C-alpha atoms as a PDB file:
ATOM      1  CA  MET A   1     216.449  15.763  17.528  1.00  0.00           C
ATOM      2  CA  ALA A   2     217.805  17.082  13.666  1.00  0.00           C
ATOM      3  CA  TYR A   3     215.458  17.498  10.534  1.00  0.00           C
ATOM      4  CA  VAL A   4     217.036  17.868   6.987  1.00  0.00           C
ATOM      5  CA  THR A   5     215.907  19.513   4.612  1.00  0.00           C
ATOM      6  CA  SER A   6     217.028  19.151   1.156  1.00  0.00           C
ATOM      7  CA  GLN A   7     215.796  21.894  -1.561  1.00  0.00           C
ATOM      8  CA  ARG A   8     216.714  21.664  -5.450  1.00  0.00           C
ATOM      9  CA  ALA A   9     215.895  23.553  -8.062  1.00  0.00           C
ATOM     10  CA  PHE A  10     213.031  22.689 -10.226  1.00  0.00           C
ATOM     11  CA  GLY A  11     215.293  22.876 -13.568  1.00  0.00           C
ATOM     12  CA  ALA A  12     217.801  20.246 -11.856  1.00  0.00           C
ATOM     13  CA  THR A  13     215.288  17.793 -11.185  1.00  0.00           C
ATOM     14  CA  ALA A  14     213.935  18.252 -14.188  1.00  0.00           C
ATOM     15  CA  MET A  15     216.927  18.028 -15.761  1.00  0.00           C
ATOM     16  CA  ALA A  16     217.833  15.126 -13.879  1.00  0.00           C
ATOM     17  CA  TRP A  17     214.398  13.285 -14.797  1.00  0.00           C
ATOM     18  CA  PHE A  18     214.871  14.057 -18.390  1.00  0.00           C
ATOM     19  CA  GLY A  19     219.007  12.607 -18.465  1.00  0.00           C
ATOM     20  CA  ASP A  20     216.928   9.224 -16.764  1.00  0.00           C
ATOM     21  CA  VAL A  21     214.500   9.420 -19.328  1.00  0.00           C
ATOM     22  CA  VAL A  22     216.802   9.508 -21.801  1.00  0.00           C
ATOM     23  CA  ALA A  23     218.908   6.757 -20.419  1.00  0.00           C
ATOM     24  CA  ALA A  24     216.256   4.989 -20.336  1.00  0.00           C
ATOM     25  CA  TRP A  25     215.594   5.148 -24.037  1.00  0.00           C
ATOM     26  CA  ALA A  26     218.956   4.194 -24.498  1.00  0.00           C
ATOM     27  CA  ASN A  27     219.564   0.856 -22.712  1.00  0.00           C
ATOM     28  CA  ALA A  28     215.586  -0.094 -24.204  1.00  0.00           C
ATOM     29  CA  ARG A  29     217.063   0.933 -27.855  1.00  0.00           C
ATOM     30  CA  GLU A  30     220.213  -1.293 -26.809  1.00  0.00           C
ATOM     31  CA  ARG A  31     218.191  -4.094 -25.160  1.00  0.00           C
ATOM     32  CA  ARG A  32     216.176  -3.929 -28.702  1.00  0.00           C
ATOM     33  CA  SER A  33     219.050  -4.008 -31.089  1.00  0.00           C
ATOM     34  CA  VAL A  34     220.546  -7.205 -29.544  1.00  0.00           C
ATOM     35  CA  TYR A  35     217.111  -9.238 -29.817  1.00  0.00           C
ATOM     36  CA  SER A  36     217.015  -7.992 -33.367  1.00  0.00           C
ATOM     37  CA  ARG A  37     220.363  -9.076 -34.096  1.00  0.00           C
ATOM     38  CA  THR A  38     219.924 -12.401 -32.051  1.00  0.00           C
ATOM     39  CA  LEU A  39     216.926 -13.159 -33.642  1.00  0.00           C
ATOM     40  CA  ARG A  40     217.899 -12.165 -37.365  1.00  0.00           C
ATOM     41  CA  GLU A  41     221.386 -14.550 -36.922  1.00  0.00           C
ATOM     42  CA  LEU A  42     219.152 -17.510 -35.399  1.00  0.00           C
ATOM     43  CA  SER A  43     216.642 -17.344 -38.094  1.00  0.00           C
ATOM     44  CA  ALA A  44     219.739 -17.361 -40.882  1.00  0.00           C
ATOM     45  CA  LEU A  45     220.457 -20.636 -39.581  1.00  0.00           C
ATOM     46  CA  THR A  46     219.250 -23.954 -41.247  1.00  0.00           C
ATOM     47  CA  ASN A  47     217.188 -26.913 -39.008  1.00  0.00           C
ATOM     48  CA  ARG A  48     220.541 -28.662 -38.867  1.00  0.00           C
ATOM     49  CA  GLU A  49     222.585 -25.838 -37.665  1.00  0.00           C
ATOM     50  CA  LEU A  50     219.835 -25.234 -34.994  1.00  0.00           C
ATOM     51  CA  ALA A  51     220.266 -29.079 -33.838  1.00  0.00           C
ATOM     52  CA  ASP A  52     223.816 -28.794 -33.586  1.00  0.00           C
ATOM     53  CA  ILE A  53     223.437 -25.884 -30.597  1.00  0.00           C
ATOM     54  CA  ASN A  54     220.704 -27.942 -29.546  1.00  0.00           C
ATOM     55  CA  LEU A  55     217.657 -25.382 -30.380  1.00  0.00           C
ATOM     56  CA  SER A  56     214.899 -25.912 -32.630  1.00  0.00           C
ATOM     57  CA  ARG A  57     213.328 -23.567 -34.844  1.00  0.00           C
ATOM     58  CA  SER A  58     210.414 -22.618 -32.501  1.00  0.00           C
ATOM     59  CA  GLN A  59     213.052 -22.043 -29.345  1.00  0.00           C
ATOM     60  CA  ILE A  60     214.441 -18.923 -31.764  1.00  0.00           C
ATOM     61  CA  ILE A  61     212.419 -15.997 -30.127  1.00  0.00           C
ATOM     62  CA  ASP A  62     212.629 -17.351 -26.622  1.00  0.00           C
ATOM     63  CA  VAL A  63     216.365 -17.340 -26.782  1.00  0.00           C
ATOM     64  CA  SER A  64     216.305 -14.355 -28.734  1.00  0.00           C
ATOM     65  CA  HIS A  65     214.230 -12.740 -25.858  1.00  0.00           C
ATOM     66  CA  GLU A  66     216.299 -14.253 -22.717  1.00  0.00           C
ATOM     67  CA  ALA A  67     219.767 -12.871 -24.523  1.00  0.00           C
ATOM     68  CA  ALA A  68     218.344  -9.203 -24.748  1.00  0.00           C
ATOM     69  CA  TYR A  69     215.956  -9.066 -21.722  1.00  0.00           C
ATOM     70  CA  GLY A  70     217.164 -12.161 -19.437  1.00  0.00           C
ATOM     71  CA  LYS A  71     215.045 -14.718 -17.930  1.00  0.00           C
END
């Protein structure tokens, strides 16, 4: 039977964790940017323009959320 032991320096683990936190923060920031931009652009449309793309004003938040975060 074979055993594998992994040894890592604490600094390397902490840096990897910090890198993951920074990457998650950047991803969340980008998604929030997509949400805000979509919400702003759809809100600027008239009711007629929204009807042309088969949306009502009450759907703007849901559509913006789906654009940024998926279903």
